[in-house]
């Protein structure tokens, strides 16, 4: 079982919003469909901000240096729990748009098996045009988040 130092204390990732869909592929299809409703990127950014507000509560005592995701310009904290059969992730950022990116990423990957996580490429990023509309620093941060999740899935699966 994967745990961080903060989780070993008082908290567990027990109540999770995710998964919303039965598979990672279904989550990516739902994201594509939702973003297709918006005509321009100002509406899509607002939707990202709204999604970020829906992230589950992230306890203040989890916001430690050990749980901080490096590689992001914004402050991002992430914790994992579970094993190869189901990995749950909880994360938060001090940036509204980054919190929305976290929501999308957790929607695809949290609550899935290590095998499904590792088999799922993040196609939603290109499909909804995120790759073209994120600043280089946000793109780097999203890449760091995806790498962190994949790394934890690889460790859980081995």
Protein backbone atom coordinates (compact mmCIF):
# COMPACT_ATOMS: atom_id res chain seq x y z
CA UNK A 1 0.00 0.00 0.00
CA UNK A 2 1.30 3.43 -0.93
CA UNK A 3 1.14 6.08 1.75
CA UNK A 4 2.85 9.35 2.32
CA UNK A 5 4.12 10.53 5.66
CA UNK A 6 1.09 12.79 6.04
CA UNK A 7 -1.34 9.94 5.47
CA UNK A 8 0.39 7.79 8.00
CA UNK A 9 -0.64 10.39 10.54
CA UNK A 10 -4.37 10.91 11.00
CA UNK A 11 -5.88 10.90 7.53
CA UNK A 12 -6.61 8.55 4.67
CA UNK A 13 -7.97 9.28 1.23
CA UNK A 14 -11.30 7.62 2.00
CA UNK A 15 -13.99 9.80 0.51
CA UNK A 16 -13.29 10.46 -3.10
CA UNK A 17 -15.24 12.10 -5.86
CA UNK A 18 -13.51 9.78 -8.30
CA UNK A 19 -14.03 7.82 -10.40
CA UNK A 20 -17.03 9.49 -12.02
CA UNK A 21 -17.01 7.12 -14.99
CA UNK A 22 -16.47 3.34 -15.05
CA UNK A 23 -13.21 3.49 -17.02
CA UNK A 24 -10.43 5.94 -17.77
CA UNK A 25 -11.39 5.88 -21.45
CA UNK A 26 -14.99 6.75 -20.56
CA UNK A 27 -13.71 9.64 -18.42
CA UNK A 28 -11.66 10.98 -21.32
CA UNK A 29 -14.67 10.70 -23.65
CA UNK A 30 -16.84 12.60 -21.14
CA UNK A 31 -14.21 15.34 -20.85
CA UNK A 32 -14.07 15.65 -24.66
CA UNK A 33 -17.86 15.89 -24.83
CA UNK A 34 -18.07 18.51 -22.08
CA UNK A 35 -15.40 20.75 -23.57
CA UNK A 36 -17.03 20.51 -27.03
CA UNK A 37 -19.93 22.58 -25.65
CA UNK A 38 -17.75 25.66 -25.22
CA UNK A 39 -17.16 28.00 -28.12
CA UNK A 40 -13.99 29.70 -27.00
CA UNK A 41 -11.14 29.35 -24.56
CA UNK A 42 -12.36 32.00 -22.14
CA UNK A 43 -15.39 29.75 -21.52
CA UNK A 44 -13.17 26.68 -21.23
CA UNK A 45 -10.90 28.40 -18.71
CA UNK A 46 -13.95 29.38 -16.66
CA UNK A 47 -15.10 25.76 -16.77
CA UNK A 48 -11.65 24.62 -15.57
CA UNK A 49 -11.90 27.06 -12.66
CA UNK A 50 -15.39 25.74 -11.83
CA UNK A 51 -14.10 22.15 -11.91
CA UNK A 52 -11.23 23.05 -9.60
CA UNK A 53 -13.76 24.23 -7.02
CA UNK A 54 -15.26 20.71 -7.02
CA UNK A 55 -12.10 19.00 -5.81
CA UNK A 56 -12.66 17.11 -2.56
CA UNK A 57 -11.42 18.71 0.63
CA UNK A 58 -7.66 18.50 1.03
CA UNK A 59 -6.74 18.67 4.73
CA UNK A 60 -4.43 21.48 5.72
CA UNK A 61 -2.02 19.06 7.44
CA UNK A 62 -1.45 17.33 4.08
CA UNK A 63 -0.02 20.55 2.65
CA UNK A 64 3.55 19.68 3.54
CA UNK A 65 6.79 19.78 1.63
CA UNK A 66 6.75 15.96 1.45
CA UNK A 67 3.42 16.08 -0.40
CA UNK A 68 4.35 18.97 -2.68
CA UNK A 69 4.59 18.27 -6.39
CA UNK A 70 7.77 19.79 -7.74
CA UNK A 71 7.93 20.91 -11.35
CA UNK A 72 4.91 23.21 -11.06
CA UNK A 73 5.10 26.98 -10.88
CA UNK A 74 1.98 26.95 -8.68
CA UNK A 75 1.88 25.20 -5.36
CA UNK A 76 0.44 21.71 -5.81
CA UNK A 77 0.09 19.05 -3.14
CA UNK A 78 -0.79 15.44 -3.90
CA UNK A 79 -1.17 12.23 -1.89
CA UNK A 80 -1.90 8.66 -2.94
CA UNK A 81 -3.42 5.67 -1.22
CA UNK A 82 -4.38 2.17 -2.20
CA UNK A 83 -2.64 -0.67 -3.95
CA UNK A 84 -2.34 -2.12 -7.45
CA UNK A 85 -6.05 -2.95 -7.57
CA UNK A 86 -7.17 0.62 -6.84
CA UNK A 87 -5.16 3.80 -6.43
CA UNK A 88 -6.81 6.94 -5.13
CA UNK A 89 -5.27 10.37 -5.43
CA UNK A 90 -6.11 13.59 -3.65
CA UNK A 91 -4.60 16.87 -4.76
CA UNK A 92 -5.05 20.63 -4.58
CA UNK A 93 -3.36 23.76 -5.90
CA UNK A 94 -3.22 27.39 -4.91
CA UNK A 95 -4.08 28.23 -8.54
CA UNK A 96 -7.70 28.06 -9.73
CA UNK A 97 -6.85 26.92 -13.27
CA UNK A 98 -4.32 24.37 -12.04
CA UNK A 99 -6.95 23.00 -9.64
CA UNK A 100 -9.17 22.49 -12.69
CA UNK A 101 -6.37 20.63 -14.46
CA UNK A 102 -5.98 18.48 -11.34
CA UNK A 103 -9.72 17.71 -11.39
CA UNK A 104 -9.53 16.54 -15.01
CA UNK A 105 -6.46 14.42 -14.31
CA UNK A 106 -7.95 12.80 -11.22
CA UNK A 107 -11.17 12.20 -13.11
CA UNK A 108 -9.23 10.07 -15.58
CA UNK A 109 -6.80 8.33 -13.20
CA UNK A 110 -8.01 8.30 -9.58
CA UNK A 111 -9.88 5.23 -8.40
CA UNK A 112 -8.35 3.04 -11.11
CA UNK A 113 -6.05 0.05 -11.02
CA UNK A 114 -2.33 0.52 -11.55
CA UNK A 115 -2.66 -1.47 -14.76
CA UNK A 116 -5.39 0.82 -16.14
CA UNK A 117 -3.47 3.95 -15.15
CA UNK A 118 -0.33 2.77 -16.92
CA UNK A 119 -2.30 1.70 -20.01
CA UNK A 120 -4.09 5.05 -20.35
CA UNK A 121 -2.40 7.82 -22.29
CA UNK A 122 -3.74 11.29 -21.44
CA UNK A 123 -5.38 11.85 -24.82
CA UNK A 124 -7.86 14.33 -23.35
CA UNK A 125 -5.13 16.97 -23.23
CA UNK A 126 -4.79 17.12 -27.02
CA UNK A 127 -8.44 16.27 -27.67
CA UNK A 128 -9.75 19.38 -25.91
CA UNK A 129 -6.93 21.65 -27.08
CA UNK A 130 -5.23 22.05 -23.73
CA UNK A 131 -1.80 21.44 -25.24
CA UNK A 132 -2.16 24.55 -27.39
CA UNK A 133 -3.69 26.80 -24.75
CA UNK A 134 -1.60 26.23 -21.65
CA UNK A 135 1.42 28.33 -20.82
CA UNK A 136 4.75 26.47 -20.87
CA UNK A 137 4.88 26.51 -17.06
CA UNK A 138 1.37 25.04 -16.75
CA UNK A 139 2.20 22.43 -19.41
CA UNK A 140 5.31 21.46 -17.42
CA UNK A 141 3.26 21.25 -14.24
CA UNK A 142 0.63 19.06 -15.89
CA UNK A 143 3.39 16.80 -17.22
CA UNK A 144 4.85 16.58 -13.69
CA UNK A 145 1.42 15.65 -12.27
CA UNK A 146 0.91 12.93 -14.89
CA UNK A 147 4.44 11.58 -14.32
CA UNK A 148 3.87 11.47 -10.53
CA UNK A 149 0.63 9.50 -10.96
CA UNK A 150 2.21 7.07 -13.45
CA UNK A 151 5.24 6.62 -11.16
CA UNK A 152 2.99 5.72 -8.23
CA UNK A 153 1.03 3.30 -10.40
CA UNK A 154 4.26 1.66 -11.58
CA UNK A 155 5.50 1.27 -7.98
CA UNK A 156 2.14 -0.14 -6.86
CA UNK A 157 2.07 -2.59 -9.75
CA UNK A 158 5.55 -3.97 -9.18
